Amino acid sequence: MPQLNPSPWLFIFLLSWSMLLLVLKTKTLQLTPHNTPSLPNQQTLATAPWNWPWI
């Protein structure tokens, strides 16, 4: 069964994955995020209780 012989396609498979990961890694590391992370707002807002009309 020739499909079980890894000789012809294993090298091509590994080479293509390594090139793909190499290209994608360099492309994704060059990207900058659109929203820079910032610290959350530490102010607490004053809340008022709701007046439910059916209670």
C-alpha atoms as a PDB file:
ATOM      1  CA  MET A   1       0.000   0.000   0.000  1.00  0.00           C
ATOM      2  CA  PRO A   2       1.798   3.141  -1.126  1.00  0.00           C
ATOM      3  CA  GLN A   3      -0.180   5.534   1.075  1.00  0.00           C
ATOM      4  CA  LEU A   4       1.422   3.983   4.176  1.00  0.00           C
ATOM      5  CA  ASN A   5       4.893   4.740   2.959  1.00  0.00           C
ATOM      6  CA  PRO A   6       5.791   8.040   4.684  1.00  0.00           C
ATOM      7  CA  SER A   7       8.814   8.660   2.532  1.00  0.00           C
ATOM      8  CA  PRO A   8       7.262  10.768  -0.255  1.00  0.00           C
ATOM      9  CA  TRP A   9       4.828  12.927   1.668  1.00  0.00           C
ATOM     10  CA  LEU A  10       6.157  13.221   5.234  1.00  0.00           C
ATOM     11  CA  PHE A  11       8.990  15.546   4.306  1.00  0.00           C
ATOM     12  CA  ILE A  12       6.666  17.743   2.232  1.00  0.00           C
ATOM     13  CA  PHE A  13       4.131  17.808   5.048  1.00  0.00           C
ATOM     14  CA  LEU A  14       6.691  18.798   7.679  1.00  0.00           C
ATOM     15  CA  LEU A  15       8.316  21.334   5.414  1.00  0.00           C
ATOM     16  CA  SER A  16       5.023  22.975   4.529  1.00  0.00           C
ATOM     17  CA  TRP A  17       3.931  23.167   8.177  1.00  0.00           C
ATOM     18  CA  SER A  18       7.243  24.578   9.289  1.00  0.00           C
ATOM     19  CA  MET A  19       7.154  27.236   6.570  1.00  0.00           C
ATOM     20  CA  LEU A  20       3.544  28.067   7.362  1.00  0.00           C
ATOM     21  CA  LEU A  21       4.276  28.423  11.074  1.00  0.00           C
ATOM     22  CA  LEU A  22       7.368  30.460  10.370  1.00  0.00           C
ATOM     23  CA  VAL A  23       5.477  32.861   8.115  1.00  0.00           C
ATOM     24  CA  LEU A  24       2.447  33.119  10.400  1.00  0.00           C
ATOM     25  CA  LYS A  25       4.582  33.640  13.471  1.00  0.00           C
ATOM     26  CA  THR A  26       6.440  36.546  11.939  1.00  0.00           C
ATOM     27  CA  LYS A  27       3.234  38.064  10.560  1.00  0.00           C
ATOM     28  CA  THR A  28       1.358  37.857  13.847  1.00  0.00           C
ATOM     29  CA  LEU A  29       4.242  39.206  15.908  1.00  0.00           C
ATOM     30  CA  GLN A  30       4.353  42.305  13.708  1.00  0.00           C
ATOM     31  CA  LEU A  31       0.704  43.140  14.385  1.00  0.00           C
ATOM     32  CA  THR A  32      -0.127  45.772  16.955  1.00  0.00           C
ATOM     33  CA  PRO A  33      -3.386  45.678  18.892  1.00  0.00           C
ATOM     34  CA  HIS A  34      -6.004  48.244  17.947  1.00  0.00           C
ATOM     35  CA  ASN A  35      -7.063  48.831  21.536  1.00  0.00           C
ATOM     36  CA  THR A  36      -4.208  49.291  23.926  1.00  0.00           C
ATOM     37  CA  PRO A  37      -5.037  47.743  27.290  1.00  0.00           C
ATOM     38  CA  SER A  38      -5.627  50.169  30.117  1.00  0.00           C
ATOM     39  CA  LEU A  39      -6.330  49.855  33.805  1.00  0.00           C
ATOM     40  CA  PRO A  40     -10.000  49.626  34.753  1.00  0.00           C
ATOM     41  CA  ASN A  41     -11.660  52.653  36.271  1.00  0.00           C
ATOM     42  CA  GLN A  42     -11.351  52.470  40.059  1.00  0.00           C
ATOM     43  CA  GLN A  43     -14.152  54.935  40.821  1.00  0.00           C
ATOM     44  CA  THR A  44     -17.264  53.440  42.350  1.00  0.00           C
ATOM     45  CA  LEU A  45     -20.515  54.810  41.070  1.00  0.00           C
ATOM     46  CA  ALA A  46     -23.283  55.709  43.486  1.00  0.00           C
ATOM     47  CA  THR A  47     -26.261  53.483  42.896  1.00  0.00           C
ATOM     48  CA  ALA A  48     -29.809  54.165  43.954  1.00  0.00           C
ATOM     49  CA  PRO A  49     -32.395  51.500  44.761  1.00  0.00           C
ATOM     50  CA  TRP A  50     -35.071  50.934  42.165  1.00  0.00           C
ATOM     51  CA  ASN A  51     -38.634  51.743  42.960  1.00  0.00           C
ATOM     52  CA  TRP A  52     -40.630  48.813  41.683  1.00  0.00           C
ATOM     53  CA  PRO A  53     -44.263  49.841  41.178  1.00  0.00           C
ATOM     54  CA  TRP A  54     -45.697  46.342  41.788  1.00  0.00           C
ATOM     55  CA  ILE A  55     -44.158  45.862  45.236  1.00  0.00           C
END
